[in-house]
Amino acid sequence: MKKYILQIDTSTPICSVAISLNGTTISRTQADGENRHAVALTPLISDLLDSLSLTVDQLAAIAVSKGPGSYTGLRIGISVAKGLCYALNCPLIAVDSLQMLCEGFRQSEYTQTLDENPLLCPMIDARRMEVYQAIFTSSGHLIHPTTAAIIDEHSFDWLTSDQSLYLFGSGANKFADLFQTRSNIHVVPAFPAAASYLSELSFKLFLEGRFEDLAYFEPFYLKDFVPTTPKKKLF
């Protein structure tokens, strides 16, 4: 039986939507430009469904990246996902944003050039030198859980000489110069998050019946939101 899953990722400044069929991505789209989630998300969903001649009633589930990531982006993405689930009476599937990013990297062309048995470190930018990160094996097994970390030149001194570590995602781009003298730390530039990375993960959770409680599910912020004071007053 055909199981279509609508997938949403708003954990980074990119607003991304995809539709999968039985765990395989069949269409994807995104809004380029930063922080366009509020205006772009629902039109992207509508356009993607129209392009496949699908109706919302044909969706078996809604999958969303739950965080960590952008506070505003996560709120918008998860609110839209929950609203659709309520309206359609279909289940909500949530996937850790870093696990999603790791899965996308494992399926990418970069895996053809990796060192033997590398460690994978997806990173989402959390401003300045801080990131949300986790560490996985090359097979996708989590070995260091999601944390918020301030990265400096000693952050990965625990690596042994025979281990290699690959940093990727929106948070990794700023560390290319920091680790340029470390032969076993590789920064992969410009590897974006995307809703299409949710396809296999969300279908597996669907088959296992691992759904979220719509009444209580909230984004995985990891850190408390701290508002900033504008530099200039608007009056």
Protein backbone atom coordinates (compact mmCIF):
# COMPACT_ATOMS: atom_id res chain seq x y z
CA MET A 1 0.00 0.00 0.00
CA LYS A 2 1.26 3.49 -0.84
CA LYS A 3 2.23 5.55 2.20
CA TYR A 4 2.87 9.19 1.41
CA ILE A 5 4.55 11.21 4.16
CA LEU A 6 4.84 14.99 4.08
CA GLN A 7 8.16 16.10 5.58
CA ILE A 8 9.04 19.51 7.01
CA ASP A 9 12.35 20.95 8.13
CA THR A 10 12.61 24.46 9.55
CA SER A 11 15.48 23.89 11.98
CA THR A 12 17.81 26.21 10.06
CA PRO A 13 17.23 29.42 8.05
CA ILE A 14 16.29 27.24 5.05
CA CYS A 15 12.61 26.33 4.81
CA SER A 16 12.43 22.85 3.30
CA VAL A 17 9.58 20.48 2.39
CA ALA A 18 9.56 17.01 0.83
CA ILE A 19 7.17 14.17 0.14
CA SER A 20 8.21 10.53 0.34
CA LEU A 21 6.53 7.34 -0.81
CA ASN A 22 7.24 4.28 1.34
CA GLY A 23 10.51 5.80 2.54
CA THR A 24 11.79 7.18 -0.77
CA THR A 25 11.77 10.89 -1.58
CA ILE A 26 9.64 11.58 -4.65
CA SER A 27 9.66 15.38 -4.60
CA ARG A 28 11.27 18.20 -2.66
CA THR A 29 11.41 21.97 -2.61
CA GLN A 30 12.73 24.77 -0.46
CA ALA A 31 12.64 28.51 0.01
CA ASP A 32 16.04 30.07 -0.51
CA GLY A 33 16.95 33.06 1.60
CA GLU A 34 17.05 33.28 5.35
CA ASN A 35 14.13 33.13 7.76
CA ARG A 36 11.25 32.87 5.31
CA HIS A 37 9.46 30.09 7.17
CA ALA A 38 6.35 32.03 8.16
CA VAL A 39 5.50 33.20 4.64
CA ALA A 40 6.92 30.31 2.63
CA LEU A 41 6.03 27.07 4.40
CA THR A 42 2.34 26.61 3.60
CA PRO A 43 2.70 27.71 -0.06
CA LEU A 44 5.60 25.26 -0.46
CA ILE A 45 3.46 22.43 0.89
CA SER A 46 0.54 23.34 -1.37
CA ASP A 47 2.72 23.65 -4.47
CA LEU A 48 4.48 20.36 -3.77
CA LEU A 49 1.21 18.47 -3.39
CA ASP A 50 -0.16 20.07 -6.56
CA SER A 51 2.97 19.11 -8.51
CA LEU A 52 2.32 15.46 -7.64
CA SER A 53 -1.47 15.68 -8.07
CA LEU A 54 -1.87 14.66 -4.44
CA THR A 55 -4.39 15.88 -1.89
CA VAL A 56 -3.77 16.21 1.82
CA ASP A 57 -6.21 13.35 2.41
CA GLN A 58 -3.73 10.98 0.75
CA LEU A 59 -1.03 11.67 3.34
CA ALA A 60 -0.39 8.83 5.79
CA ALA A 61 1.55 11.01 8.23
CA ILE A 62 3.37 14.31 8.73
CA ALA A 63 7.05 14.19 9.67
CA VAL A 64 8.97 17.13 11.11
CA SER A 65 12.46 17.82 12.36
CA LYS A 66 11.91 18.53 16.05
CA GLY A 67 15.10 20.40 16.87
CA PRO A 68 17.48 21.58 18.06
CA GLY A 69 17.79 24.58 15.81
CA SER A 70 16.24 27.95 15.14
CA TYR A 71 13.70 28.81 17.85
CA THR A 72 11.40 30.68 15.48
CA GLY A 73 11.81 28.17 12.66
CA LEU A 74 11.04 25.19 14.87
CA ARG A 75 7.93 26.85 16.29
CA ILE A 76 6.59 27.59 12.82
CA GLY A 77 7.37 24.17 11.34
CA ILE A 78 5.98 22.20 14.24
CA SER A 79 2.87 24.40 14.53
CA VAL A 80 2.07 23.83 10.86
CA ALA A 81 2.74 20.08 11.18
CA LYS A 82 0.51 19.76 14.25
CA GLY A 83 -2.24 21.81 12.62
CA LEU A 84 -2.27 19.51 9.60
CA CYS A 85 -2.30 16.42 11.81
CA TYR A 86 -5.28 17.75 13.78
CA ALA A 87 -7.17 18.64 10.61
CA LEU A 88 -6.44 15.37 8.82
CA ASN A 89 -6.52 13.11 11.88
CA CYS A 90 -3.16 11.64 10.87
CA PRO A 91 -0.10 10.87 12.99
CA LEU A 92 2.84 13.18 13.68
CA ILE A 93 6.38 11.82 13.41
CA ALA A 94 9.29 13.78 14.91
CA VAL A 95 12.99 13.26 14.20
CA ASP A 96 15.98 14.87 15.90
CA SER A 97 17.35 17.54 13.56
CA LEU A 98 20.95 16.37 13.96
CA GLN A 99 20.02 12.76 13.27
CA MET A 100 18.25 13.99 10.12
CA LEU A 101 21.36 15.92 9.07
CA CYS A 102 23.59 12.90 9.72
CA GLU A 103 21.34 10.66 7.64
CA GLY A 104 21.49 13.14 4.77
CA PHE A 105 25.27 13.21 4.91
CA ARG A 106 25.47 9.41 4.98
CA GLN A 107 23.42 9.29 1.78
CA SER A 108 25.45 11.99 0.04
CA GLU A 109 28.34 11.81 -2.40
CA TYR A 110 30.75 12.74 0.40
CA THR A 111 30.66 9.16 1.71
CA GLN A 112 32.71 8.10 -1.32
CA THR A 113 35.74 10.09 -0.12
CA LEU A 114 35.65 9.53 3.66
CA ASP A 115 38.47 7.97 5.64
CA GLU A 116 37.95 4.46 6.95
CA ASN A 117 35.51 4.26 9.90
CA PRO A 118 35.05 8.01 10.32
CA LEU A 119 33.05 9.78 13.01
CA LEU A 120 30.34 12.13 11.82
CA CYS A 121 29.50 15.37 13.61
CA PRO A 122 26.46 17.26 12.28
CA MET A 123 26.31 20.84 13.53
CA ILE A 124 23.56 23.46 13.54
CA ASP A 125 24.59 27.06 14.11
CA ALA A 126 23.69 28.52 17.52
CA ARG A 127 25.41 31.91 17.01
CA ARG A 128 28.99 32.99 17.55
CA MET A 129 31.22 29.95 18.21
CA GLU A 130 28.40 27.85 19.67
CA VAL A 131 26.68 24.99 17.88
CA TYR A 132 24.21 22.21 18.47
CA GLN A 133 26.08 19.01 17.77
CA ALA A 134 26.04 15.24 18.13
CA ILE A 135 28.50 12.55 17.06
CA PHE A 136 27.63 9.42 15.10
CA THR A 137 29.51 6.48 13.64
CA SER A 138 29.60 6.08 9.87
CA SER A 139 26.71 3.63 10.18
CA GLY A 140 24.56 6.28 11.89
CA HIS A 141 24.87 4.98 15.45
CA LEU A 142 24.74 7.80 18.02
CA ILE A 143 27.78 7.78 20.31
CA HIS A 144 27.64 11.31 21.74
CA PRO A 145 24.18 12.79 22.36
CA THR A 146 22.97 16.19 21.26
CA THR A 147 24.58 19.06 23.14
CA ALA A 148 25.06 22.81 22.85
CA ALA A 149 28.81 23.39 22.72
CA ILE A 150 31.17 26.32 22.33
CA ILE A 151 33.84 25.15 19.91
CA ASP A 152 37.52 26.02 20.22
CA GLU A 153 40.77 24.48 19.02
CA HIS A 154 40.73 21.96 21.89
CA SER A 155 37.14 20.77 21.52
CA PHE A 156 38.12 17.53 19.80
CA ASP A 157 41.41 16.77 21.52
CA TRP A 158 39.93 13.43 22.57
CA LEU A 159 40.35 12.18 19.00
CA THR A 160 43.08 9.57 18.67
CA SER A 161 45.58 9.64 15.82
CA ASP A 162 43.78 6.86 13.97
CA GLN A 163 40.35 8.54 14.16
CA SER A 164 38.92 11.06 11.74
CA LEU A 165 36.03 13.42 12.35
CA TYR A 166 33.85 15.13 9.76
CA LEU A 167 32.03 18.35 10.67
CA PHE A 168 29.10 19.41 8.49
CA GLY A 169 25.92 21.46 8.60
CA SER A 170 25.16 25.14 9.08
CA GLY A 171 27.25 25.28 12.25
CA ALA A 172 30.38 23.73 10.74
CA ASN A 173 31.13 26.31 8.07
CA LYS A 174 32.72 28.77 10.48
CA PHE A 175 35.35 26.30 11.73
CA ALA A 176 37.34 25.71 8.53
CA ASP A 177 40.17 27.99 9.62
CA LEU A 178 40.10 26.81 13.23
CA PHE A 179 40.93 23.21 12.33
CA GLN A 180 42.97 23.68 9.16
CA THR A 181 46.10 22.29 10.85
CA ARG A 182 44.32 19.18 12.16
CA SER A 183 44.72 16.44 9.55
CA ASN A 184 42.08 14.22 11.15
CA ILE A 185 39.35 16.89 11.40
CA HIS A 186 37.59 17.68 8.14
CA VAL A 187 35.11 20.53 7.70
CA VAL A 188 32.63 19.90 4.89
CA PRO A 189 31.52 23.30 3.55
CA ALA A 190 27.96 24.31 2.72
CA PHE A 191 26.12 21.10 3.60
CA PRO A 192 22.53 22.27 4.20
CA ALA A 193 19.70 20.66 6.11
CA ALA A 194 16.82 19.35 3.99
CA ALA A 195 13.44 17.75 4.61
CA SER A 196 14.27 15.00 2.11
CA TYR A 197 16.73 13.57 4.66
CA LEU A 198 13.71 12.56 6.75
CA SER A 199 12.38 10.03 4.25
CA GLU A 200 13.91 6.76 5.48
CA LEU A 201 13.91 7.77 9.13
CA SER A 202 10.29 8.85 9.19
CA PHE A 203 9.05 5.79 7.29
CA LYS A 204 10.83 3.51 9.75
CA LEU A 205 9.14 5.32 12.66
CA PHE A 206 5.82 5.11 10.81
CA LEU A 207 6.10 1.33 10.44
CA GLU A 208 7.00 1.06 14.13
CA GLY A 209 4.02 3.21 15.10
CA ARG A 210 6.20 5.68 16.97
CA PHE A 211 4.00 8.77 16.83
CA GLU A 212 3.94 11.94 18.94
CA ASP A 213 1.12 13.03 21.25
CA LEU A 214 -0.28 16.10 19.50
CA ALA A 215 -1.53 17.62 22.73
CA TYR A 216 1.84 17.61 24.45
CA PHE A 217 4.50 17.55 21.77
CA GLU A 218 6.85 20.57 21.78
CA PRO A 219 10.00 21.47 19.84
CA PHE A 220 13.31 20.22 21.22
CA TYR A 221 14.91 23.59 21.89
CA LEU A 222 17.79 22.21 24.02
CA LYS A 223 18.44 25.70 25.40
CA ASP A 224 16.09 28.27 26.88
CA PHE A 225 15.28 31.18 24.59
CA VAL A 226 17.11 34.36 25.59
CA PRO A 227 15.76 37.47 23.85
CA THR A 228 18.26 40.11 22.79
CA THR A 229 17.97 43.86 23.22
CA PRO A 230 17.85 45.84 19.95
CA LYS A 231 20.91 48.00 19.39
CA LYS A 232 18.77 50.89 18.20
CA LYS A 233 15.38 51.95 19.48
CA LEU A 234 12.65 52.29 16.89
CA PHE A 235 11.18 55.51 18.34
